[in-house]
Amino acid sequence: METLSDAEVVGYIDLWETWARPDQLPPARAADGGEWLQWVIMGGRGAGKTRTGAEWVRGVALGVSAQTVTFAPPNSVVFISDVNGGQVPEIPSDISTGLRIWATPSCITVLCYPEVDGPTNITFGSGDDISRAAPPDFDQLIATPSGHLIVDSSGPMKVFSARVPSLRTRVRVWVWVNHPKWPDKVVIAYG
């Protein structure tokens, strides 16, 4: 926080996803894979039920359509690419330092928490829906020839998808590393 400007600190403080616990963020999908119709929040006094609901309503009122999901991806990585795939970047064998984001012109790879250590909080949305005061940790155009951008894990699960209007799409990534080695929060903005 010491390296952020005053405007960046204010933007960081105002961002609910920065401070929310994983159980305070709305589910990305229902248990059956469809859209959820009801969201039950159970907790005792002081658990943050009112704040959780108020922040969700605020997001709806402001038209924020970014989605957040908390999960433990297999092999601790997520890929951002065209729906038809892309050239996956080589990941160095020693990843003890650095940003933990690698890219080719058609695919971005972001490291997450290892499955055994717990889930990673990932937020995905358009650049209009995700406004950050801090500059992104990563910013690049990637090929999207089908006009359909996805975020997926190395397993069968597609985490997020979005229609994009052009053959090349700007992708920005912010990561928070509260662990000595792995990011526990990742924010992805497209367009």
C-alpha atoms as a PDB file:
ATOM      1  CA  MET A   1       0.000   0.000   0.000  1.00  0.00           C
ATOM      2  CA  GLU A   2       2.975   2.317   0.569  1.00  0.00           C
ATOM      3  CA  THR A   3       3.670   2.448  -3.188  1.00  0.00           C
ATOM      4  CA  LEU A   4       0.111   3.478  -4.148  1.00  0.00           C
ATOM      5  CA  SER A   5      -0.952   7.075  -4.785  1.00  0.00           C
ATOM      6  CA  ASP A   6      -3.749   8.622  -2.693  1.00  0.00           C
ATOM      7  CA  ALA A   7      -6.247   8.072  -5.555  1.00  0.00           C
ATOM      8  CA  GLU A   8      -5.180   4.431  -5.869  1.00  0.00           C
ATOM      9  CA  VAL A   9      -5.617   3.872  -2.113  1.00  0.00           C
ATOM     10  CA  VAL A  10      -9.138   5.376  -2.225  1.00  0.00           C
ATOM     11  CA  GLY A  11     -10.049   3.139  -5.193  1.00  0.00           C
ATOM     12  CA  TYR A  12      -8.681   0.109  -3.367  1.00  0.00           C
ATOM     13  CA  ILE A  13     -10.569   0.910  -0.169  1.00  0.00           C
ATOM     14  CA  ASP A  14     -13.874   1.407  -2.052  1.00  0.00           C
ATOM     15  CA  LEU A  15     -13.639  -1.943  -3.841  1.00  0.00           C
ATOM     16  CA  TRP A  16     -15.818  -4.465  -1.975  1.00  0.00           C
ATOM     17  CA  GLU A  17     -14.203  -7.481  -3.668  1.00  0.00           C
ATOM     18  CA  THR A  18     -10.892  -6.464  -2.094  1.00  0.00           C
ATOM     19  CA  TRP A  19     -12.202  -6.798   1.462  1.00  0.00           C
ATOM     20  CA  ALA A  20     -14.989  -9.367   1.154  1.00  0.00           C
ATOM     21  CA  ARG A  21     -14.483 -12.896   2.387  1.00  0.00           C
ATOM     22  CA  PRO A  22     -15.118 -15.547  -0.285  1.00  0.00           C
ATOM     23  CA  ASP A  23     -18.439 -16.460   1.368  1.00  0.00           C
ATOM     24  CA  GLN A  24     -19.598 -12.817   1.072  1.00  0.00           C
ATOM     25  CA  LEU A  25     -19.424 -12.794  -2.732  1.00  0.00           C
ATOM     26  CA  PRO A  26     -22.369 -13.971  -4.841  1.00  0.00           C
ATOM     27  CA  PRO A  27     -22.031 -17.385  -6.428  1.00  0.00           C
ATOM     28  CA  ALA A  28     -21.082 -17.338 -10.112  1.00  0.00           C
ATOM     29  CA  ARG A  29     -23.533 -20.152 -10.840  1.00  0.00           C
ATOM     30  CA  ALA A  30     -25.937 -22.519  -9.122  1.00  0.00           C
ATOM     31  CA  ALA A  31     -24.891 -26.001  -8.033  1.00  0.00           C
ATOM     32  CA  ASP A  32     -26.420 -27.427 -11.225  1.00  0.00           C
ATOM     33  CA  GLY A  33     -24.326 -25.075 -13.381  1.00  0.00           C
ATOM     34  CA  GLY A  34     -27.217 -22.760 -14.281  1.00  0.00           C
ATOM     35  CA  GLU A  35     -27.974 -19.251 -13.065  1.00  0.00           C
ATOM     36  CA  TRP A  36     -28.841 -18.963  -9.401  1.00  0.00           C
ATOM     37  CA  LEU A  37     -32.292 -17.734  -8.411  1.00  0.00           C
ATOM     38  CA  GLN A  38     -31.835 -17.588  -4.643  1.00  0.00           C
ATOM     39  CA  TRP A  39     -28.787 -16.912  -2.538  1.00  0.00           C
ATOM     40  CA  VAL A  40     -28.967 -17.854   1.134  1.00  0.00           C
ATOM     41  CA  ILE A  41     -26.558 -16.133   3.505  1.00  0.00           C
ATOM     42  CA  MET A  42     -26.432 -17.695   6.956  1.00  0.00           C
ATOM     43  CA  GLY A  43     -24.358 -16.385   9.823  1.00  0.00           C
ATOM     44  CA  GLY A  44     -24.440 -15.125  13.348  1.00  0.00           C
ATOM     45  CA  ARG A  45     -24.286 -11.590  14.686  1.00  0.00           C
ATOM     46  CA  GLY A  46     -21.494  -9.623  13.036  1.00  0.00           C
ATOM     47  CA  ALA A  47     -20.983 -12.121  10.208  1.00  0.00           C
ATOM     48  CA  GLY A  48     -21.490  -9.449   7.537  1.00  0.00           C
ATOM     49  CA  LYS A  49     -24.872 -10.507   6.183  1.00  0.00           C
ATOM     50  CA  THR A  50     -26.222  -6.951   5.870  1.00  0.00           C
ATOM     51  CA  ARG A  51     -23.034  -5.607   4.278  1.00  0.00           C
ATOM     52  CA  THR A  52     -22.963  -8.532   1.848  1.00  0.00           C
ATOM     53  CA  GLY A  53     -26.533  -7.883   0.721  1.00  0.00           C
ATOM     54  CA  ALA A  54     -26.005  -4.117   0.562  1.00  0.00           C
ATOM     55  CA  GLU A  55     -22.882  -4.490  -1.608  1.00  0.00           C
ATOM     56  CA  TRP A  56     -24.686  -6.893  -3.930  1.00  0.00           C
ATOM     57  CA  VAL A  57     -27.616  -4.447  -4.311  1.00  0.00           C
ATOM     58  CA  ARG A  58     -25.126  -1.599  -4.880  1.00  0.00           C
ATOM     59  CA  GLY A  59     -23.495  -3.602  -7.686  1.00  0.00           C
ATOM     60  CA  VAL A  60     -26.870  -4.291  -9.304  1.00  0.00           C
ATOM     61  CA  ALA A  61     -27.914  -0.637  -8.993  1.00  0.00           C
ATOM     62  CA  LEU A  62     -24.667   0.574 -10.543  1.00  0.00           C
ATOM     63  CA  GLY A  63     -24.998  -1.944 -13.353  1.00  0.00           C
ATOM     64  CA  VAL A  64     -21.835  -3.803 -12.409  1.00  0.00           C
ATOM     65  CA  SER A  65     -21.943  -7.126 -14.161  1.00  0.00           C
ATOM     66  CA  ALA A  66     -18.539  -8.426 -13.155  1.00  0.00           C
ATOM     67  CA  GLN A  67     -18.686 -11.930 -11.754  1.00  0.00           C
ATOM     68  CA  THR A  68     -16.644 -13.387  -8.929  1.00  0.00           C
ATOM     69  CA  VAL A  69     -16.016 -17.023  -8.211  1.00  0.00           C
ATOM     70  CA  THR A  70     -13.935 -18.711  -5.561  1.00  0.00           C
ATOM     71  CA  PHE A  71     -12.477 -22.058  -6.516  1.00  0.00           C
ATOM     72  CA  ALA A  72      -9.320 -24.169  -6.433  1.00  0.00           C
ATOM     73  CA  PRO A  73      -8.295 -24.740 -10.053  1.00  0.00           C
ATOM     74  CA  PRO A  74      -6.538 -28.004 -10.927  1.00  0.00           C
ATOM     75  CA  ASN A  75      -2.791 -27.493 -11.320  1.00  0.00           C
ATOM     76  CA  SER A  76      -3.164 -24.031  -9.762  1.00  0.00           C
ATOM     77  CA  VAL A  77      -3.536 -22.123 -13.040  1.00  0.00           C
ATOM     78  CA  VAL A  78      -6.222 -20.406 -15.084  1.00  0.00           C
ATOM     79  CA  PHE A  79      -6.004 -19.661 -18.786  1.00  0.00           C
ATOM     80  CA  ILE A  80      -7.446 -16.616 -20.570  1.00  0.00           C
ATOM     81  CA  SER A  81      -7.875 -17.224 -24.297  1.00  0.00           C
ATOM     82  CA  ASP A  82     -10.209 -17.445 -27.274  1.00  0.00           C
ATOM     83  CA  VAL A  83     -12.873 -20.147 -26.896  1.00  0.00           C
ATOM     84  CA  ASN A  84     -11.028 -22.143 -29.574  1.00  0.00           C
ATOM     85  CA  GLY A  85      -7.849 -22.114 -27.497  1.00  0.00           C
ATOM     86  CA  GLY A  86      -4.486 -20.501 -27.928  1.00  0.00           C
ATOM     87  CA  GLN A  87      -0.765 -21.145 -27.657  1.00  0.00           C
ATOM     88  CA  VAL A  88      -0.212 -21.763 -23.937  1.00  0.00           C
ATOM     89  CA  PRO A  89       2.910 -19.978 -22.642  1.00  0.00           C
ATOM     90  CA  GLU A  90       5.809 -21.889 -21.144  1.00  0.00           C
ATOM     91  CA  ILE A  91       5.888 -21.641 -17.352  1.00  0.00           C
ATOM     92  CA  PRO A  92       9.385 -21.617 -15.853  1.00  0.00           C
ATOM     93  CA  SER A  93      10.228 -24.431 -13.445  1.00  0.00           C
ATOM     94  CA  ASP A  94      11.380 -21.956 -10.743  1.00  0.00           C
ATOM     95  CA  ILE A  95       8.467 -19.659  -9.960  1.00  0.00           C
ATOM     96  CA  SER A  96       9.571 -18.533  -6.515  1.00  0.00           C
ATOM     97  CA  THR A  97       9.633 -14.855  -7.544  1.00  0.00           C
ATOM     98  CA  GLY A  98       7.993 -12.590 -10.064  1.00  0.00           C
ATOM     99  CA  LEU A  99       4.479 -11.741 -11.153  1.00  0.00           C
ATOM    100  CA  ARG A 100       3.244 -15.270 -11.952  1.00  0.00           C
ATOM    101  CA  ILE A 101       1.556 -14.204 -15.201  1.00  0.00           C
ATOM    102  CA  TRP A 102       2.813 -15.441 -18.574  1.00  0.00           C
ATOM    103  CA  ALA A 103       1.459 -14.779 -22.048  1.00  0.00           C
ATOM    104  CA  THR A 104       1.654 -15.505 -25.736  1.00  0.00           C
ATOM    105  CA  PRO A 105      -0.228 -13.505 -28.385  1.00  0.00           C
ATOM    106  CA  SER A 106      -3.201 -15.887 -27.953  1.00  0.00           C
ATOM    107  CA  CYS A 107      -3.232 -17.036 -24.283  1.00  0.00           C
ATOM    108  CA  ILE A 108      -2.538 -15.683 -20.806  1.00  0.00           C
ATOM    109  CA  THR A 109      -1.696 -18.007 -17.912  1.00  0.00           C
ATOM    110  CA  VAL A 110      -2.187 -16.834 -14.309  1.00  0.00           C
ATOM    111  CA  LEU A 111      -1.021 -18.832 -11.298  1.00  0.00           C
ATOM    112  CA  CYS A 112      -3.458 -19.335  -8.406  1.00  0.00           C
ATOM    113  CA  TYR A 113      -3.379 -20.988  -4.991  1.00  0.00           C
ATOM    114  CA  PRO A 114      -2.481 -24.673  -5.161  1.00  0.00           C
ATOM    115  CA  GLU A 115      -5.572 -26.883  -4.796  1.00  0.00           C
ATOM    116  CA  VAL A 116      -4.342 -28.267  -1.480  1.00  0.00           C
ATOM    117  CA  ASP A 117      -3.816 -24.783   0.022  1.00  0.00           C
ATOM    118  CA  GLY A 118      -7.307 -23.488  -0.675  1.00  0.00           C
ATOM    119  CA  PRO A 119      -9.312 -21.513  -3.205  1.00  0.00           C
ATOM    120  CA  THR A 120      -8.473 -18.386  -5.194  1.00  0.00           C
ATOM    121  CA  ASN A 121     -10.951 -15.520  -5.550  1.00  0.00           C
ATOM    122  CA  ILE A 122     -11.259 -14.623  -9.273  1.00  0.00           C
ATOM    123  CA  THR A 123     -13.287 -11.661 -10.583  1.00  0.00           C
ATOM    124  CA  PHE A 124     -14.005 -11.306 -14.322  1.00  0.00           C
ATOM    125  CA  GLY A 125     -15.760  -8.518 -16.176  1.00  0.00           C
ATOM    126  CA  SER A 126     -15.580  -5.887 -18.885  1.00  0.00           C
ATOM    127  CA  GLY A 127     -13.245  -2.948 -18.505  1.00  0.00           C
ATOM    128  CA  ASP A 128     -16.337  -0.756 -18.004  1.00  0.00           C
ATOM    129  CA  ASP A 129     -17.487  -2.908 -15.068  1.00  0.00           C
ATOM    130  CA  ILE A 130     -14.111  -3.235 -13.404  1.00  0.00           C
ATOM    131  CA  SER A 131     -12.548   0.118 -12.678  1.00  0.00           C
ATOM    132  CA  ARG A 132      -9.280   0.092 -10.835  1.00  0.00           C
ATOM    133  CA  ALA A 133      -7.401   3.100  -9.549  1.00  0.00           C
ATOM    134  CA  ALA A 134      -4.183   1.074  -9.464  1.00  0.00           C
ATOM    135  CA  PRO A 135      -2.480   0.270 -12.762  1.00  0.00           C
ATOM    136  CA  PRO A 136      -2.847  -3.383 -13.822  1.00  0.00           C
ATOM    137  CA  ASP A 137      -0.104  -5.882 -13.091  1.00  0.00           C
ATOM    138  CA  PHE A 138      -0.507  -7.124 -16.668  1.00  0.00           C
ATOM    139  CA  ASP A 139      -1.974  -5.470 -19.790  1.00  0.00           C
ATOM    140  CA  GLN A 140      -1.927  -7.035 -23.277  1.00  0.00           C
ATOM    141  CA  LEU A 141      -3.959  -7.620 -26.438  1.00  0.00           C
ATOM    142  CA  ILE A 142      -4.698 -11.273 -27.188  1.00  0.00           C
ATOM    143  CA  ALA A 143      -6.117 -12.896 -30.298  1.00  0.00           C
ATOM    144  CA  THR A 144      -9.859 -13.626 -30.145  1.00  0.00           C
ATOM    145  CA  PRO A 145     -10.714 -14.741 -33.706  1.00  0.00           C
ATOM    146  CA  SER A 146     -14.030 -16.333 -32.669  1.00  0.00           C
ATOM    147  CA  GLY A 147     -15.151 -13.223 -30.758  1.00  0.00           C
ATOM    148  CA  HIS A 148     -15.567 -15.304 -27.601  1.00  0.00           C
ATOM    149  CA  LEU A 149     -13.133 -14.932 -24.673  1.00  0.00           C
ATOM    150  CA  ILE A 150     -12.980 -17.555 -21.906  1.00  0.00           C
ATOM    151  CA  VAL A 151     -11.272 -18.080 -18.585  1.00  0.00           C
ATOM    152  CA  ASP A 152     -10.829 -21.743 -17.771  1.00  0.00           C
ATOM    153  CA  SER A 153      -8.758 -24.071 -15.666  1.00  0.00           C
ATOM    154  CA  SER A 154      -6.652 -26.966 -16.843  1.00  0.00           C
ATOM    155  CA  GLY A 155      -9.611 -29.208 -16.033  1.00  0.00           C
ATOM    156  CA  PRO A 156     -12.970 -29.450 -17.760  1.00  0.00           C
ATOM    157  CA  MET A 157     -14.471 -26.430 -15.974  1.00  0.00           C
ATOM    158  CA  LYS A 158     -15.020 -23.195 -17.926  1.00  0.00           C
ATOM    159  CA  VAL A 159     -14.914 -20.496 -15.258  1.00  0.00           C
ATOM    160  CA  PHE A 160     -16.083 -17.419 -17.220  1.00  0.00           C
ATOM    161  CA  SER A 161     -16.885 -16.475 -20.795  1.00  0.00           C
ATOM    162  CA  ALA A 162     -17.768 -13.289 -22.650  1.00  0.00           C
ATOM    163  CA  ARG A 163     -18.535 -12.157 -26.173  1.00  0.00           C
ATOM    164  CA  VAL A 164     -15.978  -9.628 -27.447  1.00  0.00           C
ATOM    165  CA  PRO A 165     -16.430  -7.388 -30.491  1.00  0.00           C
ATOM    166  CA  SER A 166     -13.015  -7.664 -32.136  1.00  0.00           C
ATOM    167  CA  LEU A 167     -10.371 -10.108 -33.312  1.00  0.00           C
ATOM    168  CA  ARG A 168      -7.949  -8.796 -30.676  1.00  0.00           C
ATOM    169  CA  THR A 169      -9.052  -8.088 -27.123  1.00  0.00           C
ATOM    170  CA  ARG A 170      -7.323  -6.078 -24.432  1.00  0.00           C
ATOM    171  CA  VAL A 171      -6.952  -8.050 -21.199  1.00  0.00           C
ATOM    172  CA  ARG A 172      -5.817  -6.501 -17.920  1.00  0.00           C
ATOM    173  CA  VAL A 173      -4.984  -8.529 -14.822  1.00  0.00           C
ATOM    174  CA  TRP A 174      -4.497  -7.480 -11.201  1.00  0.00           C
ATOM    175  CA  VAL A 175      -3.220  -9.944  -8.598  1.00  0.00           C
ATOM    176  CA  TRP A 176      -3.030  -9.806  -4.804  1.00  0.00           C
ATOM    177  CA  VAL A 177      -0.358 -11.978  -3.249  1.00  0.00           C
ATOM    178  CA  ASN A 178      -1.004 -12.448   0.473  1.00  0.00           C
ATOM    179  CA  HIS A 179       0.905 -15.722   0.418  1.00  0.00           C
ATOM    180  CA  PRO A 180       4.691 -15.885  -0.034  1.00  0.00           C
ATOM    181  CA  LYS A 181       4.290 -17.492  -3.440  1.00  0.00           C
ATOM    182  CA  TRP A 182       0.693 -17.645  -4.724  1.00  0.00           C
ATOM    183  CA  PRO A 183      -1.932 -14.983  -5.512  1.00  0.00           C
ATOM    184  CA  ASP A 184      -5.160 -15.426  -3.554  1.00  0.00           C
ATOM    185  CA  LYS A 185      -7.153 -12.813  -5.503  1.00  0.00           C
ATOM    186  CA  VAL A 186      -7.106 -12.264  -9.263  1.00  0.00           C
ATOM    187  CA  VAL A 187      -9.108  -9.636 -11.174  1.00  0.00           C
ATOM    188  CA  ILE A 188      -9.441  -9.919 -14.970  1.00  0.00           C
ATOM    189  CA  ALA A 189     -10.871  -7.110 -17.130  1.00  0.00           C
ATOM    190  CA  TYR A 190     -11.432  -7.428 -20.863  1.00  0.00           C
ATOM    191  CA  GLY A 191     -12.058  -4.797 -23.540  1.00  0.00           C
END
